Protein backbone atom coordinates (compact mmCIF):
# COMPACT_ATOMS: atom_id res chain seq x y z
CA UNK A 1 175.77 146.68 137.03
CA UNK A 2 172.89 147.03 139.51
CA UNK A 3 170.56 147.92 136.65
CA UNK A 4 171.62 144.79 134.77
CA UNK A 5 170.91 142.58 137.80
CA UNK A 6 167.45 144.07 138.33
CA UNK A 7 166.59 143.74 134.65
CA UNK A 8 167.72 140.12 134.60
CA UNK A 9 165.63 139.39 137.69
CA UNK A 10 162.55 140.94 136.11
CA UNK A 11 163.09 139.01 132.90
CA UNK A 12 163.48 135.79 134.90
CA UNK A 13 160.19 136.43 136.70
CA UNK A 14 158.41 137.06 133.39
CA UNK A 15 159.97 133.89 131.98
CA UNK A 16 158.62 131.83 134.88
CA UNK A 17 155.20 133.47 134.61
CA UNK A 18 155.24 132.74 130.91
CA UNK A 19 155.85 129.05 131.58
CA UNK A 20 152.95 128.98 134.05
CA UNK A 21 150.70 130.77 131.57
CA UNK A 22 151.57 128.34 128.79
CA UNK A 23 150.87 125.39 131.06
CA UNK A 24 147.58 126.91 132.19
CA UNK A 25 146.44 127.29 128.58
CA UNK A 26 147.91 124.26 126.87
CA UNK A 27 146.48 122.42 123.88
CA UNK A 28 147.15 118.70 123.68
CA UNK A 29 146.13 115.86 121.42
CA UNK A 30 143.12 114.04 122.81
CA UNK A 31 144.60 110.62 122.05
CA UNK A 32 148.15 109.63 122.86
CA UNK A 33 148.46 107.21 119.97
CA UNK A 34 146.09 106.28 117.16
CA UNK A 35 142.76 108.06 116.89
CA UNK A 36 140.00 105.44 117.22
CA UNK A 37 137.39 104.95 114.52
CA UNK A 38 139.48 107.09 112.15
CA UNK A 39 140.14 106.78 108.44
CA UNK A 40 143.59 108.19 107.80
CA UNK A 41 143.35 111.45 105.86
CA UNK A 42 145.31 114.67 105.76
CA UNK A 43 144.15 117.18 108.37
CA UNK A 44 142.22 119.83 106.45
CA UNK A 45 140.84 121.97 109.28
CA UNK A 46 139.73 125.44 108.23
CA UNK A 47 139.62 128.35 110.68
CA UNK A 48 137.75 131.61 110.11
CA UNK A 49 136.75 134.13 112.78
CA UNK A 50 137.17 131.57 115.55
CA UNK A 51 135.02 128.98 113.75
CA UNK A 52 136.62 125.63 112.86
CA UNK A 53 135.44 123.28 110.12
CA UNK A 54 136.59 119.87 108.83
CA UNK A 55 138.02 118.94 112.23
CA UNK A 56 139.44 115.39 112.09
CA UNK A 57 142.24 115.58 114.69
CA UNK A 58 140.69 116.11 118.13
CA UNK A 59 142.38 118.04 120.90
CA UNK A 60 141.69 119.57 124.27
CA UNK A 61 142.90 122.93 125.57
CA UNK A 62 143.22 123.34 129.31
CA UNK A 63 142.61 126.56 131.22
CA UNK A 64 143.77 125.97 134.76
CA UNK A 65 143.02 128.62 137.40
CA UNK A 66 145.61 130.08 139.72
CA UNK A 67 146.07 127.71 142.65
CA UNK A 68 145.05 130.47 145.07
CA UNK A 69 141.65 130.65 143.30
CA UNK A 70 141.16 127.00 142.39
CA UNK A 71 137.92 125.48 143.66
CA UNK A 72 138.74 121.95 142.49
CA UNK A 73 135.85 121.93 140.01
CA UNK A 74 136.34 121.36 136.28
CA UNK A 75 134.21 121.63 133.14
CA UNK A 76 134.75 120.07 129.70
CA UNK A 77 133.29 122.49 127.14
CA UNK A 78 131.75 121.31 123.85
CA UNK A 79 131.26 124.19 121.38
CA UNK A 80 128.30 124.10 119.01
CA UNK A 81 127.96 124.37 115.26
CA UNK A 82 125.39 121.85 114.06
CA UNK A 83 127.99 119.05 113.92
CA UNK A 84 129.28 120.82 110.78
CA UNK A 85 131.56 123.46 112.36
CA UNK A 86 132.83 124.34 115.83
CA UNK A 87 132.25 127.86 117.19
CA UNK A 88 135.43 127.44 119.18
CA UNK A 89 136.14 131.04 120.16
CA UNK A 90 132.74 132.27 121.38
CA UNK A 91 131.43 128.96 122.69
CA UNK A 92 134.75 127.63 123.90
CA UNK A 93 137.70 129.88 124.62
CA UNK A 94 135.69 132.83 125.92
CA UNK A 95 133.73 130.57 128.26
CA UNK A 96 136.88 128.81 129.47
CA UNK A 97 138.53 132.12 130.37
CA UNK A 98 135.49 133.08 132.44
CA UNK A 99 135.54 129.76 134.29
CA UNK A 100 139.26 130.14 134.89
CA UNK A 101 138.70 133.53 136.54
CA UNK A 102 136.10 131.92 138.81
CA UNK A 103 138.60 129.31 139.97
CA UNK A 104 137.16 126.55 137.80
CA UNK A 105 139.40 124.49 135.53
CA UNK A 106 138.07 124.49 131.98
CA UNK A 107 138.88 122.23 129.04
CA UNK A 108 137.79 123.25 125.55
CA UNK A 109 137.13 120.18 123.46
CA UNK A 110 137.89 120.41 119.74
CA UNK A 111 135.97 117.29 118.85
CA UNK A 112 135.87 115.58 115.47
CA UNK A 113 133.06 116.64 113.19
CA UNK A 114 131.15 113.60 111.88
CA UNK A 115 132.25 112.60 108.39
CA UNK A 116 132.15 109.42 106.34
CA UNK A 117 135.48 110.50 104.86
CA UNK A 118 137.37 110.58 108.17
CA UNK A 119 135.46 108.01 110.28
CA UNK A 120 134.32 104.42 109.91
CA UNK A 121 131.24 105.23 112.06
CA UNK A 122 130.58 108.95 112.21
CA UNK A 123 127.67 108.59 114.64
CA UNK A 124 130.02 107.74 117.54
CA UNK A 125 132.96 109.99 116.64
CA UNK A 126 131.98 113.04 118.71
CA UNK A 127 130.95 110.85 121.66
CA UNK A 128 134.29 109.04 121.56
CA UNK A 129 136.01 112.40 121.91
CA UNK A 130 133.73 113.59 124.71
CA UNK A 131 134.24 110.38 126.67
CA UNK A 132 137.98 110.53 126.09
CA UNK A 133 138.07 114.14 127.33
CA UNK A 134 136.23 113.26 130.54
CA UNK A 135 138.49 110.25 131.02
CA UNK A 136 141.61 112.34 130.44
CA UNK A 137 140.59 115.03 132.95
CA UNK A 138 139.57 112.46 135.55
CA UNK A 139 142.82 110.50 135.21
CA UNK A 140 144.91 113.69 135.54
CA UNK A 141 142.77 115.20 138.29
CA UNK A 142 145.43 115.02 140.98
CA UNK A 143 148.11 116.50 138.73
CA UNK A 144 145.84 119.36 137.70
CA UNK A 145 144.49 119.98 141.23
CA UNK A 146 140.97 118.87 140.35
CA UNK A 147 138.50 116.92 142.45
CA UNK A 148 137.63 113.94 140.26
CA UNK A 149 134.14 113.90 141.77
CA UNK A 150 133.43 117.44 140.49
CA UNK A 151 134.01 117.19 136.76
CA UNK A 152 131.16 118.45 134.61
CA UNK A 153 130.42 118.88 130.94
CA UNK A 154 129.03 121.91 129.11
CA UNK A 155 127.62 122.17 125.61
CA UNK A 156 126.14 124.75 123.26
CA UNK A 157 123.58 123.89 120.57
CA UNK A 158 124.87 120.69 118.87
CA UNK A 159 127.61 120.72 121.52
CA UNK A 160 124.70 120.55 123.96
CA UNK A 161 123.59 117.40 122.22
CA UNK A 162 127.08 116.00 122.65
CA UNK A 163 127.16 117.02 126.33
CA UNK A 164 123.75 115.48 126.97
CA UNK A 165 124.82 112.34 125.07
CA UNK A 166 127.87 112.08 127.32
CA UNK A 167 125.48 112.49 130.27
CA UNK A 168 123.12 109.73 129.18
CA UNK A 169 125.47 107.24 127.47
CA UNK A 170 128.31 107.13 130.02
CA UNK A 171 127.65 103.48 130.89
CA UNK A 172 128.27 102.45 127.26
CA UNK A 173 131.94 103.13 126.62
CA UNK A 174 132.76 103.76 122.96
CA UNK A 175 136.47 104.21 123.73
CA UNK A 176 139.16 101.97 125.17
CA UNK A 177 138.96 102.26 128.95
CA UNK A 178 141.26 99.65 130.47
CA UNK A 179 141.20 101.25 133.93
CA UNK A 180 137.39 101.46 134.00
CA UNK A 181 137.64 105.19 134.68
CA UNK A 182 134.21 106.68 135.27
CA UNK A 183 132.95 108.41 132.11
CA UNK A 184 129.97 109.92 133.90
CA UNK A 185 130.02 113.71 134.17
CA UNK A 186 129.12 114.89 137.67
CA UNK A 187 126.89 117.63 136.25
CA UNK A 188 125.98 119.18 132.92
CA UNK A 189 125.47 122.76 131.71
CA UNK A 190 123.35 122.84 128.56
CA UNK A 191 122.99 126.08 126.60
CA UNK A 192 120.24 126.18 123.91
CA UNK A 193 120.98 122.48 123.42
CA UNK A 194 119.91 120.11 120.69
CA UNK A 195 118.54 117.22 122.74
CA UNK A 196 116.34 115.21 120.42
CA UNK A 197 116.80 113.57 117.03
CA UNK A 198 113.07 113.04 116.47
CA UNK A 199 111.30 114.50 113.44
CA UNK A 200 109.08 116.87 115.41
CA UNK A 201 111.67 118.14 117.88
CA UNK A 202 115.19 117.64 116.60
CA UNK A 203 117.44 119.97 114.62
CA UNK A 204 117.54 118.44 111.13
CA UNK A 205 121.02 119.75 110.27
CA UNK A 206 122.59 118.25 113.38
CA UNK A 207 120.77 114.95 112.81
CA UNK A 208 121.78 114.71 109.15
CA UNK A 209 125.41 115.44 109.96
CA UNK A 210 125.59 112.96 112.84
CA UNK A 211 123.33 110.13 111.67
CA UNK A 212 122.95 110.68 107.94
CA UNK A 213 119.81 111.54 105.99
CA UNK A 214 118.11 108.18 106.52
CA UNK A 215 118.78 107.10 110.11
CA UNK A 216 117.05 104.04 111.49
CA UNK A 217 114.34 104.34 114.11
CA UNK A 218 116.77 102.69 116.54
CA UNK A 219 119.44 105.35 115.91
CA UNK A 220 116.94 108.18 116.29
CA UNK A 221 115.79 106.81 119.64
CA UNK A 222 119.34 106.15 120.84
CA UNK A 223 120.46 109.72 120.22
CA UNK A 224 117.25 111.38 121.40
CA UNK A 225 118.61 112.01 124.84
CA UNK A 226 115.30 112.92 126.44
CA UNK A 227 114.49 109.23 125.93
CA UNK A 228 117.75 108.04 127.50
CA UNK A 229 117.47 109.71 130.92
CA UNK A 230 117.69 107.46 133.98
CA UNK A 231 117.95 108.08 137.71
CA UNK A 232 121.76 108.01 137.26
CA UNK A 233 121.84 110.84 134.72
CA UNK A 234 123.82 113.75 136.21
CA UNK A 235 122.05 116.92 137.41
CA UNK A 236 121.65 119.58 134.75
CA UNK A 237 121.41 123.33 134.32
CA UNK A 238 119.63 124.42 131.14
CA UNK A 239 119.30 127.82 129.51
CA UNK A 240 117.35 128.63 126.35
CA UNK A 241 115.30 131.35 124.61
CA UNK A 242 111.59 130.79 124.07
CA UNK A 243 111.74 132.29 120.57
CA UNK A 244 114.64 130.12 119.37
CA UNK A 245 113.94 129.52 115.68
CA UNK A 246 116.88 127.15 115.13
CA UNK A 247 116.68 124.74 118.07
CA UNK A 248 113.20 124.69 119.57
CA UNK A 249 113.08 125.43 123.30
CA UNK A 250 111.05 122.24 123.67
CA UNK A 251 114.40 120.41 123.48
CA UNK A 252 115.39 121.85 126.86
CA UNK A 253 111.89 121.43 128.26
CA UNK A 254 111.76 117.76 127.23
CA UNK A 255 115.12 117.06 128.87
CA UNK A 256 114.14 118.95 132.01
CA UNK A 257 110.88 116.99 132.24
CA UNK A 258 112.68 113.69 131.71
CA UNK A 259 115.11 114.53 134.52
CA UNK A 260 112.31 115.68 136.80
CA UNK A 261 110.36 112.46 136.32
CA UNK A 262 113.47 110.42 137.17
CA UNK A 263 114.13 112.46 140.31
CA UNK A 264 117.31 114.05 138.94
CA UNK A 265 117.91 117.64 140.15
CA UNK A 266 117.65 120.17 137.33
CA UNK A 267 117.29 123.91 136.91
CA UNK A 268 116.09 125.65 133.77
CA UNK A 269 116.09 129.31 132.71
CA UNK A 270 114.02 130.34 129.69
CA UNK A 271 114.45 133.86 128.34
CA UNK A 272 111.39 135.18 126.48
CA UNK A 273 113.46 136.54 123.58
CA UNK A 274 116.90 136.17 122.10
CA UNK A 275 116.62 133.46 119.42
CA UNK A 276 119.44 130.98 118.95
CA UNK A 277 122.88 131.87 120.26
CA UNK A 278 121.50 134.71 122.33
CA UNK A 279 124.12 134.38 125.06
CA UNK A 280 126.76 135.44 122.54
CA UNK A 281 125.15 138.86 122.29
CA UNK A 282 124.93 139.73 125.97
CA UNK A 283 127.69 140.21 128.57
CA UNK A 284 129.00 136.81 129.56
CA UNK A 285 128.58 137.45 133.28
CA UNK A 286 124.84 138.16 132.80
CA UNK A 287 124.10 134.51 132.16
CA UNK A 288 127.22 132.70 133.31
CA UNK A 289 126.63 134.06 136.80
CA UNK A 290 123.48 131.90 136.85
CA UNK A 291 125.57 128.82 136.01
CA UNK A 292 128.09 129.68 138.71
CA UNK A 293 125.34 130.24 141.27
CA UNK A 294 123.79 126.86 140.43
CA UNK A 295 127.15 125.10 140.64
CA UNK A 296 127.87 126.75 143.97
CA UNK A 297 124.47 125.94 145.45
CA UNK A 298 125.01 122.26 144.60
CA UNK A 299 128.40 122.15 146.30
CA UNK A 300 130.60 121.76 143.21
CA UNK A 301 132.54 124.93 144.01
CA UNK A 302 133.11 124.14 147.69
CA UNK A 303 136.84 123.90 148.34
CA UNK A 304 137.92 120.68 150.05
């Protein structure tokens, strides 16, 4: 009988821990009701080796740290993939787990991939999802033990374009925002980011997928985020490889220079070699420790 009681107690503890674990890593639909700007189609998402394609139903997965570790900071993560796929495992889940261990709440954004089949205006689809994610985290900050003044955004490659778009277009809401919740990230972490849509600097694949093959000069300028920086643009941490043959390092340099000229604090690390996606081939702590150090030095990890 004693053995039965002890076993039951252990099972109960594991049950409770399981509930906590599920809550700490919970995927939820990004929109409560109808998805804005959407053309109704069957969800045809394809998943292979942690890479998602044909994403038309956006979601966000939360990774909440243990309350004993929680710093109060949070990051919305935008995986890359040229606006044609989402590298959700390596540029999303793996990063979120690292943040979680550091006491930082992380939210992996599975944003819609631009498509004329699933959207009435594909150019704003990803930004709608990024703004909605920031809004969602900020409105649930108290519930999730987050300081709503320490919510940042992170992006890789084309996800870096989305993160920098969210950082420079926050005053132009493309979603319904009845409560006027701030859509401005408090900081941004940009990893080998696409920044520009210009002919000489931008990544043609990302531009074609987001804006189409014949975008107007106005569209190109609007989504060239080095041209959209103001004094209100959030501080940024950038990391890139000088020999990147996919997304030229000048994207990061142009954004850094734009921030510097507007008096916005920014830090940039350029590795001499590594090409595109280099952080995926080195231990995560080797480069993420630089992000954490920058966040800490700017006070975003200070417990309050």
